[in-house]
PDB file of N, CA and C in Angstrom:
ATOM      1  N   VAL A   1       0.841  -1.214   0.026  1.00  0.00           N
ATOM      2  CA  VAL A   1      -0.088   0.044   0.034  1.00  0.00           C
ATOM      3  C   VAL A   1       0.915   1.294  -0.037  1.00  0.00           C
ATOM      4  N   TRP A   2       0.247   2.266  -0.498  1.00  0.00           N
ATOM      5  CA  TRP A   2       0.911   3.657  -0.295  1.00  0.00           C
ATOM      6  C   TRP A   2       0.099   4.468   0.721  1.00  0.00           C
ATOM      7  N   VAL A   3       0.827   5.152   1.397  1.00  0.00           N
ATOM      8  CA  VAL A   3       0.300   5.980   2.493  1.00  0.00           C
ATOM      9  C   VAL A   3       0.294   7.394   2.370  1.00  0.00           C
ATOM     10  N   GLY A   4      -0.694   8.141   2.649  1.00  0.00           N
ATOM     11  CA  GLY A   4      -0.583   9.675   2.512  1.00  0.00           C
ATOM     12  C   GLY A   4      -1.260  10.239   3.801  1.00  0.00           C
ATOM     13  N   THR A   5      -0.954  11.547   3.992  1.00  0.00           N
ATOM     14  CA  THR A   5      -1.370  12.095   5.267  1.00  0.00           C
ATOM     15  C   THR A   5      -2.117  13.393   4.784  1.00  0.00           C
ATOM     16  N   ASP A   6      -2.865  13.899   5.813  1.00  0.00           N
ATOM     17  CA  ASP A   6      -3.543  15.224   5.610  1.00  0.00           C
ATOM     18  C   ASP A   6      -2.828  16.185   6.471  1.00  0.00           C
ATOM     19  N   ALA A   7      -3.466  17.255   6.947  1.00  0.00           N
ATOM     20  CA  ALA A   7      -2.809  18.337   7.839  1.00  0.00           C
ATOM     21  C   ALA A   7      -2.115  17.734   9.030  1.00  0.00           C
ATOM     22  N   GLU A   8      -2.868  16.822   9.762  1.00  0.00           N
ATOM     23  CA  GLU A   8      -2.317  16.416  10.884  1.00  0.00           C
ATOM     24  C   GLU A   8      -2.110  14.770  10.749  1.00  0.00           C
ATOM     25  N   THR A   9      -1.035  14.313  11.414  1.00  0.00           N
ATOM     26  CA  THR A   9      -0.780  12.891  11.232  1.00  0.00           C
ATOM     27  C   THR A   9      -1.270  12.048  12.514  1.00  0.00           C
ATOM     28  N   TRP A  10      -1.538  12.668  13.532  1.00  0.00           N
ATOM     29  CA  TRP A  10      -2.011  12.096  14.902  1.00  0.00           C
ATOM     30  C   TRP A  10      -3.303  12.678  15.246  1.00  0.00           C
ATOM     31  N   ASP A  11      -4.235  11.867  15.877  1.00  0.00           N
ATOM     32  CA  ASP A  11      -5.397  12.461  16.537  1.00  0.00           C
ATOM     33  C   ASP A  11      -5.195  12.656  18.031  1.00  0.00           C
ATOM     34  N   ARG A  12      -6.224  13.217  18.624  1.00  0.00           N
ATOM     35  CA  ARG A  12      -6.127  13.503  20.055  1.00  0.00           C
ATOM     36  C   ARG A  12      -5.986  12.198  20.956  1.00  0.00           C
ATOM     37  N   TYR A  13      -6.326  11.053  20.318  1.00  0.00           N
ATOM     38  CA  TYR A  13      -6.220   9.749  21.033  1.00  0.00           C
ATOM     39  C   TYR A  13      -4.925   9.116  20.664  1.00  0.00           C
ATOM     40  N   ASP A  14      -3.939   9.697  20.164  1.00  0.00           N
ATOM     41  CA  ASP A  14      -2.680   9.150  19.678  1.00  0.00           C
ATOM     42  C   ASP A  14      -2.804   8.136  18.713  1.00  0.00           C
ATOM     43  N   ARG A  15      -3.782   8.214  17.806  1.00  0.00           N
ATOM     44  CA  ARG A  15      -3.880   7.237  16.644  1.00  0.00           C
ATOM     45  C   ARG A  15      -3.307   8.014  15.461  1.00  0.00           C
ATOM     46  N   ARG A  16      -2.604   7.115  14.591  1.00  0.00           N
ATOM     47  CA  ARG A  16      -2.159   7.631  13.263  1.00  0.00           C
ATOM     48  C   ARG A  16      -3.251   7.895  12.304  1.00  0.00           C
ATOM     49  N   LEU A  17      -3.291   8.946  11.591  1.00  0.00           N
ATOM     50  CA  LEU A  17      -4.233   9.212  10.529  1.00  0.00           C
ATOM     51  C   LEU A  17      -3.600   9.130   9.174  1.00  0.00           C
ATOM     52  N   PHE A  18      -4.168   8.217   8.408  1.00  0.00           N
ATOM     53  CA  PHE A  18      -3.500   7.973   7.005  1.00  0.00           C
ATOM     54  C   PHE A  18      -4.601   7.823   5.968  1.00  0.00           C
ATOM     55  N   TYR A  19      -4.253   8.175   4.760  1.00  0.00           N
ATOM     56  CA  TYR A  19      -4.983   7.698   3.668  1.00  0.00           C
ATOM     57  C   TYR A  19      -4.178   6.656   2.969  1.00  0.00           C
ATOM     58  N   LEU A  20      -4.961   5.562   2.479  1.00  0.00           N
ATOM     59  CA  LEU A  20      -4.218   4.403   1.978  1.00  0.00           C
ATOM     60  C   LEU A  20      -4.633   4.226   0.446  1.00  0.00           C
ATOM     61  N   TRP A  21      -3.658   3.881  -0.317  1.00  0.00           N
ATOM     62  CA  TRP A  21      -3.896   3.415  -1.745  1.00  0.00           C
ATOM     63  C   TRP A  21      -3.309   2.089  -1.932  1.00  0.00           C
ATOM     64  N   SER A  22      -3.996   1.190  -2.666  1.00  0.00           N
ATOM     65  CA  SER A  22      -3.526  -0.028  -2.942  1.00  0.00           C
ATOM     66  C   SER A  22      -2.455  -0.105  -4.048  1.00  0.00           C
ATOM     67  N   GLU A  23      -1.780  -1.285  -4.136  1.00  0.00           N
ATOM     68  CA  GLU A  23      -0.727  -1.401  -5.188  1.00  0.00           C
ATOM     69  C   GLU A  23      -1.254  -1.040  -6.547  1.00  0.00           C
ATOM     70  N   ASP A  24      -2.499  -1.420  -6.841  1.00  0.00           N
ATOM     71  CA  ASP A  24      -3.195  -1.119  -8.202  1.00  0.00           C
ATOM     72  C   ASP A  24      -3.687   0.265  -8.242  1.00  0.00           C
ATOM     73  N   GLY A  25      -3.504   1.074  -7.274  1.00  0.00           N
ATOM     74  CA  GLY A  25      -3.935   2.555  -7.313  1.00  0.00           C
ATOM     75  C   GLY A  25      -5.353   2.796  -6.784  1.00  0.00           C
ATOM     76  N   ARG A  26      -5.855   1.813  -6.170  1.00  0.00           N
ATOM     77  CA  ARG A  26      -7.247   2.153  -5.613  1.00  0.00           C
ATOM     78  C   ARG A  26      -7.147   2.945  -4.254  1.00  0.00           C
ATOM     79  N   PHE A  27      -8.007   3.901  -4.066  1.00  0.00           N
ATOM     80  CA  PHE A  27      -8.015   4.616  -2.866  1.00  0.00           C
ATOM     81  C   PHE A  27      -8.792   3.841  -1.822  1.00  0.00           C
ATOM     82  N   VAL A  28      -8.076   3.161  -0.951  1.00  0.00           N
ATOM     83  CA  VAL A  28      -8.749   2.228  -0.004  1.00  0.00           C
ATOM     84  C   VAL A  28      -9.744   2.822   0.828  1.00  0.00           C
ATOM     85  N   ASN A  29      -9.500   4.072   1.491  1.00  0.00           N
ATOM     86  CA  ASN A  29     -10.574   4.731   2.267  1.00  0.00           C
ATOM     87  C   ASN A  29     -11.782   4.964   1.444  1.00  0.00           C
ATOM     88  N   LEU A  30     -11.654   5.415   0.276  1.00  0.00           N
ATOM     89  CA  LEU A  30     -12.844   5.731  -0.580  1.00  0.00           C
ATOM     90  C   LEU A  30     -13.527   4.378  -0.956  1.00  0.00           C
ATOM     91  N   GLU A  31     -12.919   3.236  -1.256  1.00  0.00           N
ATOM     92  CA  GLU A  31     -13.566   2.032  -1.506  1.00  0.00           C
ATOM     93  C   GLU A  31     -14.311   1.544  -0.306  1.00  0.00           C
ATOM     94  N   LEU A  32     -13.721   1.699   0.837  1.00  0.00           N
ATOM     95  CA  LEU A  32     -14.457   1.155   2.157  1.00  0.00           C
ATOM     96  C   LEU A  32     -15.797   1.947   2.190  1.00  0.00           C
ATOM     97  N   ILE A  33     -15.804   3.308   1.945  1.00  0.00           N
ATOM     98  CA  ILE A  33     -17.032   4.119   2.078  1.00  0.00           C
ATOM     99  C   ILE A  33     -17.848   3.683   1.017  1.00  0.00           C
ATOM    100  N   ARG A  34     -17.462   3.538  -0.220  1.00  0.00           N
ATOM    101  CA  ARG A  34     -18.292   3.132  -1.309  1.00  0.00           C
ATOM    102  C   ARG A  34     -19.012   1.836  -1.140  1.00  0.00           C
ATOM    103  N   ALA A  35     -18.311   0.889  -0.342  1.00  0.00           N
ATOM    104  CA  ALA A  35     -18.990  -0.379  -0.219  1.00  0.00           C
ATOM    105  C   ALA A  35     -19.971  -0.355   0.982  1.00  0.00           C
ATOM    106  N   GLY A  36     -20.000   0.755   1.700  1.00  0.00           N
ATOM    107  CA  GLY A  36     -20.850   0.750   2.926  1.00  0.00           C
ATOM    108  C   GLY A  36     -20.212   0.118   4.127  1.00  0.00           C
ATOM    109  N   ALA A  37     -18.838   0.025   4.116  1.00  0.00           N
ATOM    110  CA  ALA A  37     -18.148  -0.669   5.149  1.00  0.00           C
ATOM    111  C   ALA A  37     -17.442   0.346   6.089  1.00  0.00           C
ATOM    112  N   ALA A  38     -17.642   1.684   5.733  1.00  0.00           N
ATOM    113  CA  ALA A  38     -17.089   2.673   6.547  1.00  0.00           C
ATOM    114  C   ALA A  38     -17.949   3.991   6.514  1.00  0.00           C
ATOM    115  N   ASP A  39     -18.029   4.776   7.466  1.00  0.00           N
ATOM    116  CA  ASP A  39     -18.723   6.092   7.455  1.00  0.00           C
ATOM    117  C   ASP A  39     -17.589   7.185   7.392  1.00  0.00           C
ATOM    118  N   THR A  40     -18.095   8.431   7.298  1.00  0.00           N
ATOM    119  CA  THR A  40     -17.260   9.543   7.150  1.00  0.00           C
ATOM    120  C   THR A  40     -17.218  10.340   8.509  1.00  0.00           C
ATOM    121  N   LEU A  41     -16.161  11.044   8.623  1.00  0.00           N
ATOM    122  CA  LEU A  41     -16.089  11.928   9.807  1.00  0.00           C
ATOM    123  C   LEU A  41     -15.188  13.153   9.359  1.00  0.00           C
ATOM    124  N   ARG A  42     -15.742  14.346   9.346  1.00  0.00           N
ATOM    125  CA  ARG A  42     -15.102  15.558   8.993  1.00  0.00           C
ATOM    126  C   ARG A  42     -14.660  16.233  10.282  1.00  0.00           C
ATOM    127  N   ILE A  43     -13.210  16.273  10.387  1.00  0.00           N
ATOM    128  CA  ILE A  43     -12.706  16.947  11.612  1.00  0.00           C
ATOM    129  C   ILE A  43     -11.671  17.791  10.980  1.00  0.00           C
ATOM    130  N   ARG A  44     -11.828  19.236  11.095  1.00  0.00           N
ATOM    131  CA  ARG A  44     -10.813  20.098  10.511  1.00  0.00           C
ATOM    132  C   ARG A  44      -9.479  19.890  11.443  1.00  0.00           C
ATOM    133  N   PRO A  45      -8.441  20.049  10.870  1.00  0.00           N
ATOM    134  CA  PRO A  45      -7.997  20.556   9.545  1.00  0.00           C
ATOM    135  C   PRO A  45      -7.901  19.439   8.626  1.00  0.00           C
ATOM    136  N   ASN A  46      -8.224  18.226   8.980  1.00  0.00           N
ATOM    137  CA  ASN A  46      -8.014  17.024   8.092  1.00  0.00           C
ATOM    138  C   ASN A  46      -9.261  16.687   7.136  1.00  0.00           C
ATOM    139  N   VAL A  47      -9.376  17.695   6.176  1.00  0.00           N
ATOM    140  CA  VAL A  47     -10.488  17.633   5.193  1.00  0.00           C
ATOM    141  C   VAL A  47     -10.225  17.522   3.721  1.00  0.00           C
ATOM    142  N   ALA A  48      -9.015  17.059   3.480  1.00  0.00           N
ATOM    143  CA  ALA A  48      -8.589  17.115   2.067  1.00  0.00           C
ATOM    144  C   ALA A  48      -9.481  16.350   1.137  1.00  0.00           C
ATOM    145  N   HIS A  49     -10.086  15.248   1.698  1.00  0.00           N
ATOM    146  CA  HIS A  49     -10.983  14.354   0.759  1.00  0.00           C
ATOM    147  C   HIS A  49     -12.358  14.344   1.331  1.00  0.00           C
ATOM    148  N   ALA A  50     -12.814  15.310   2.233  1.00  0.00           N
ATOM    149  CA  ALA A  50     -14.053  15.267   2.870  1.00  0.00           C
ATOM    150  C   ALA A  50     -15.199  15.367   1.861  1.00  0.00           C
ATOM    151  N   ASP A  51     -15.193  16.284   0.909  1.00  0.00           N
ATOM    152  CA  ASP A  51     -16.319  16.362   0.003  1.00  0.00           C
ATOM    153  C   ASP A  51     -16.522  15.094  -0.859  1.00  0.00           C
ATOM    154  N   LEU A  52     -15.330  14.657  -1.349  1.00  0.00           N
ATOM    155  CA  LEU A  52     -15.432  13.257  -2.061  1.00  0.00           C
ATOM    156  C   LEU A  52     -16.016  12.361  -1.258  1.00  0.00           C
ATOM    157  N   PHE A  53     -15.554  12.081  -0.025  1.00  0.00           N
ATOM    158  CA  PHE A  53     -16.005  10.953   0.685  1.00  0.00           C
ATOM    159  C   PHE A  53     -17.626  11.222   1.110  1.00  0.00           C
ATOM    160  N   ALA A  54     -17.923  12.429   1.408  1.00  0.00           N
ATOM    161  CA  ALA A  54     -19.434  12.667   1.651  1.00  0.00           C
ATOM    162  C   ALA A  54     -20.301  12.330   0.455  1.00  0.00           C
ATOM    163  N   GLY A  55     -19.928  12.614  -0.762  1.00  0.00           N
ATOM    164  CA  GLY A  55     -20.755  12.264  -1.896  1.00  0.00           C
ATOM    165  C   GLY A  55     -20.828  10.613  -2.135  1.00  0.00           C
ATOM    166  N   VAL A  56     -19.711  10.116  -1.962  1.00  0.00           N
ATOM    167  CA  VAL A  56     -19.693   8.646  -2.068  1.00  0.00           C
ATOM    168  C   VAL A  56     -20.446   7.934  -0.789  1.00  0.00           C
ATOM    169  N   ARG A  57     -20.349   8.486   0.392  1.00  0.00           N
ATOM    170  CA  ARG A  57     -21.059   7.913   1.425  1.00  0.00           C
ATOM    171  C   ARG A  57     -22.707   8.126   1.191  1.00  0.00           C
ATOM    172  N   ASP A  58     -23.131   9.261   0.763  1.00  0.00           N
ATOM    173  CA  ASP A  58     -24.528   9.480   0.361  1.00  0.00           C
ATOM    174  C   ASP A  58     -24.999   8.499  -0.618  1.00  0.00           C
ATOM    175  N   ALA A  59     -24.196   8.208  -1.656  1.00  0.00           N
ATOM    176  CA  ALA A  59     -24.528   7.213  -2.591  1.00  0.00           C
ATOM    177  C   ALA A  59     -24.672   5.919  -2.094  1.00  0.00           C
ATOM    178  N   ALA A  60     -23.736   5.534  -1.203  1.00  0.00           N
ATOM    179  CA  ALA A  60     -23.877   4.175  -0.589  1.00  0.00           C
ATOM    180  C   ALA A  60     -25.110   4.057   0.278  1.00  0.00           C
ATOM    181  N   ASP A  61     -25.389   5.062   0.960  1.00  0.00           N
ATOM    182  CA  ASP A  61     -26.630   5.068   1.800  1.00  0.00           C
ATOM    183  C   ASP A  61     -27.789   4.950   0.958  1.00  0.00           C
ATOM    184  N   GLU A  62     -27.985   5.739  -0.121  1.00  0.00           N
ATOM    185  CA  GLU A  62     -29.068   5.765  -1.031  1.00  0.00           C
ATOM    186  C   GLU A  62     -29.316   4.336  -1.646  1.00  0.00           C
ATOM    187  N   ASP A  63     -28.176   3.769  -1.939  1.00  0.00           N
ATOM    188  CA  ASP A  63     -28.181   2.334  -2.622  1.00  0.00           C
ATOM    189  C   ASP A  63     -28.360   1.234  -1.767  1.00  0.00           C
ATOM    190  N   GLY A  64     -28.351   1.572  -0.296  1.00  0.00           N
ATOM    191  CA  GLY A  64     -28.348   0.431   0.696  1.00  0.00           C
ATOM    192  C   GLY A  64     -27.101  -0.465   0.613  1.00  0.00           C
ATOM    193  N   ARG A  65     -26.015  -0.013   0.301  1.00  0.00           N
ATOM    194  CA  ARG A  65     -24.821  -0.813   0.382  1.00  0.00           C
ATOM    195  C   ARG A  65     -24.285  -0.984   1.785  1.00  0.00           C
ATOM    196  N   GLY A  66     -23.793  -2.204   2.042  1.00  0.00           N
ATOM    197  CA  GLY A  66     -23.143  -2.518   3.319  1.00  0.00           C
ATOM    198  C   GLY A  66     -23.901  -2.226   4.524  1.00  0.00           C
ATOM    199  N   MET A  67     -23.427  -1.495   5.505  1.00  0.00           N
ATOM    200  CA  MET A  67     -24.155  -1.240   6.721  1.00  0.00           C
ATOM    201  C   MET A  67     -25.379  -0.386   6.439  1.00  0.00           C
ATOM    202  N   TRP A  68     -25.490   0.376   5.309  1.00  0.00           N
ATOM    203  CA  TRP A  68     -26.576   1.273   5.178  1.00  0.00           C
ATOM    204  C   TRP A  68     -27.872   0.320   4.685  1.00  0.00           C
ATOM    205  N   GLY A  69     -27.776  -0.875   4.288  1.00  0.00           N
ATOM    206  CA  GLY A  69     -28.868  -1.748   3.902  1.00  0.00           C
ATOM    207  C   GLY A  69     -29.037  -2.865   5.041  1.00  0.00           C
ATOM    208  N   ALA A  70     -28.238  -2.913   5.989  1.00  0.00           N
ATOM    209  CA  ALA A  70     -28.351  -3.989   6.994  1.00  0.00           C
ATOM    210  C   ALA A  70     -29.570  -3.861   7.821  1.00  0.00           C
ATOM    211  N   CYS A  71     -30.147  -2.640   8.103  1.00  0.00           N
ATOM    212  CA  CYS A  71     -31.287  -2.512   8.960  1.00  0.00           C
ATOM    213  C   CYS A  71     -32.536  -2.194   8.318  1.00  0.00           C
ATOM    214  N   GLY A  72     -32.580  -2.271   6.925  1.00  0.00           N
ATOM    215  CA  GLY A  72     -33.737  -2.107   6.156  1.00  0.00           C
ATOM    216  C   GLY A  72     -34.120  -0.571   6.144  1.00  0.00           C
TER     217      GLY A  72
END
């Protein structure tokens, strides 16, 4: 995988904050959201991909993918 960062690389709980890309170029964070396997969280100043993530999350919800379809 390839790793990228945003404005901050650690959160207040001492967790590392990364964006991940697979060897074949897929944006792992985005793919998880698209599949309904992850939700989004916008916390400034780490918002480089927030708008992209929000649109994909809304589409996953509307389509009932992953967790968005689990509860009917």
